Amino acid sequence: MVQLCFFIKVKEKDKEMLKKVCNTLGCGAVYFQHEKRINHAQCYRYTVNTHRDIFGKIIPFFQKYRLNSNSKQRSFRMFCEIAELVRNGAHHTKEGIEQIQQMKKKNEPSYRARVVREIRLLRGNSKQS
């Protein structure tokens, strides 16, 4: 099973900006994400995980208002490609899941955002990334 999850993560000091994004888009939620790793700041995360909001609000908004950094724009393009595969039902087949996994794996060095939150094998509950 493939689950789309769009998120933006920022340092604690930028929490209000995430709240504005949430209010502007009218979907998703802002959460505190406790950081346990040494040398990492506490942060907040804006998350949207419904297909209706991802396809109806998130993708159109960020296509209209481009992200500033090249790496974030690349990440968003990859997210859109995977989302389109999901929209077309590719995630219901073994081949589709493999295609999504390969896309994610190929771009992982420059693609830090976790576009595909969780992939489960079609036959069971074991997880793969």
Protein backbone atom coordinates (compact mmCIF):
# COMPACT_ATOMS: atom_id res chain seq x y z
CA MET A 1 0.00 0.00 0.00
CA VAL A 2 1.29 3.45 -0.86
CA GLN A 3 0.22 6.41 1.21
CA LEU A 4 0.86 9.93 -0.03
CA CYS A 5 1.88 12.39 2.64
CA PHE A 6 2.90 15.97 1.93
CA PHE A 7 4.78 17.78 4.66
CA ILE A 8 6.85 20.86 5.37
CA LYS A 9 9.15 20.76 8.38
CA VAL A 10 10.63 23.92 9.95
CA LYS A 11 12.48 24.94 13.07
CA GLU A 12 10.45 25.84 16.13
CA LYS A 13 10.95 29.57 15.56
CA ASP A 14 9.07 29.34 12.22
CA LYS A 15 5.95 27.69 13.63
CA GLU A 16 3.75 30.71 12.87
CA MET A 17 4.67 30.50 9.18
CA LEU A 18 3.38 26.91 9.08
CA LYS A 19 0.14 27.99 10.73
CA LYS A 20 -0.30 30.60 8.00
CA VAL A 21 0.29 27.96 5.31
CA CYS A 22 -2.28 25.71 6.98
CA ASN A 23 -4.83 28.52 7.22
CA THR A 24 -4.20 29.68 3.65
CA LEU A 25 -4.64 26.22 2.17
CA GLY A 26 -7.49 25.27 4.49
CA CYS A 27 -6.29 21.71 5.00
CA GLY A 28 -3.80 19.66 6.96
CA ALA A 29 -2.50 20.24 10.45
CA VAL A 30 0.58 21.57 12.24
CA TYR A 31 2.29 19.27 14.74
CA PHE A 32 5.21 19.55 17.11
CA GLN A 33 7.83 17.01 16.09
CA HIS A 34 10.06 16.17 19.02
CA GLU A 35 13.64 15.73 17.86
CA LYS A 36 15.72 13.19 19.76
CA ARG A 37 18.85 13.38 17.63
CA ILE A 38 21.78 15.33 19.04
CA ASN A 39 22.54 18.61 17.23
CA HIS A 40 19.04 18.82 15.72
CA ALA A 41 16.63 21.61 16.66
CA GLN A 42 13.07 20.99 17.77
CA CYS A 43 10.70 21.51 14.88
CA TYR A 44 7.14 21.77 13.69
CA ARG A 45 5.62 19.92 10.78
CA TYR A 46 2.70 20.82 8.52
CA THR A 47 1.20 17.58 7.18
CA VAL A 48 -1.47 16.82 4.59
CA ASN A 49 -2.30 13.21 3.85
CA THR A 50 -5.73 13.08 2.18
CA HIS A 51 -5.72 12.53 -1.57
CA ARG A 52 -8.52 15.07 -1.98
CA ASP A 53 -6.43 17.84 -0.40
CA ILE A 54 -3.16 16.79 -2.01
CA PHE A 55 -4.65 16.76 -5.53
CA GLY A 56 -7.13 19.58 -5.01
CA LYS A 57 -5.09 22.08 -2.98
CA ILE A 58 -1.43 21.22 -2.38
CA ILE A 59 -0.31 20.35 -5.91
CA PRO A 60 -2.17 23.24 -7.62
CA PHE A 61 -0.91 25.74 -5.03
CA PHE A 62 2.76 24.76 -5.30
CA GLN A 63 2.55 24.54 -9.08
CA LYS A 64 1.31 28.13 -9.12
CA TYR A 65 3.68 29.40 -6.39
CA ARG A 66 7.02 27.70 -6.98
CA LEU A 67 9.26 26.70 -4.11
CA ASN A 68 12.38 28.86 -3.83
CA SER A 69 15.17 26.30 -3.70
CA ASN A 70 16.08 23.99 -6.58
CA SER A 71 16.25 20.96 -4.28
CA LYS A 72 12.77 21.65 -2.87
CA GLN A 73 11.42 22.16 -6.39
CA ARG A 74 12.99 18.84 -7.46
CA SER A 75 11.43 17.16 -4.44
CA PHE A 76 8.05 18.60 -5.30
CA ARG A 77 8.29 17.44 -8.94
CA MET A 78 9.06 13.92 -7.72
CA PHE A 79 6.12 14.11 -5.32
CA CYS A 80 3.86 15.11 -8.23
CA GLU A 81 5.11 12.26 -10.41
CA ILE A 82 4.45 9.71 -7.68
CA ALA A 83 1.08 11.29 -6.87
CA GLU A 84 0.09 10.95 -10.54
CA LEU A 85 1.01 7.26 -10.47
CA VAL A 86 -1.18 6.88 -7.39
CA ARG A 87 -4.04 8.77 -9.06
CA ASN A 88 -3.81 6.38 -12.03
CA GLY A 89 -3.88 3.33 -9.73
CA ALA A 90 -0.31 2.16 -10.32
CA HIS A 91 0.15 1.69 -6.57
CA HIS A 92 -2.33 -1.23 -6.68
CA THR A 93 0.08 -3.40 -8.66
CA LYS A 94 3.40 -4.94 -7.77
CA GLU A 95 4.97 -3.29 -10.84
CA GLY A 96 3.60 0.11 -9.84
CA ILE A 97 4.98 -0.20 -6.33
CA GLU A 98 8.36 -1.22 -7.74
CA GLN A 99 8.29 1.79 -10.09
CA ILE A 100 7.56 4.12 -7.17
CA GLN A 101 10.30 2.51 -5.08
CA GLN A 102 12.81 2.91 -7.93
CA MET A 103 11.87 6.56 -8.45
CA LYS A 104 12.29 7.24 -4.76
CA LYS A 105 15.54 5.28 -4.49
CA LYS A 106 17.05 6.94 -7.57
CA ASN A 107 16.44 10.40 -6.17
CA GLU A 108 17.09 9.85 -2.48
CA PRO A 109 20.48 11.59 -2.29
CA SER A 110 18.98 14.89 -3.39
CA TYR A 111 15.46 14.09 -2.31
CA ARG A 112 15.25 14.28 1.44
CA ALA A 113 11.49 14.70 1.80
CA ARG A 114 9.77 11.38 2.36
CA VAL A 115 7.26 11.41 -0.46
CA VAL A 116 6.07 7.90 0.00
CA ARG A 117 5.40 7.60 3.67
CA GLU A 118 4.97 3.88 3.76
CA ILE A 119 5.01 1.05 1.28
CA ARG A 120 3.68 -2.33 2.28
CA LEU A 121 4.00 -5.41 0.19
CA LEU A 122 0.76 -6.35 -1.50
CA ARG A 123 0.72 -9.72 0.22
CA GLY A 124 1.33 -8.64 3.81
CA ASN A 125 2.30 -6.05 6.37
CA SER A 126 6.07 -6.03 6.10
CA LYS A 127 7.43 -2.56 5.37
CA GLN A 128 9.89 -1.44 2.72
CA SER A 129 11.27 2.01 2.04
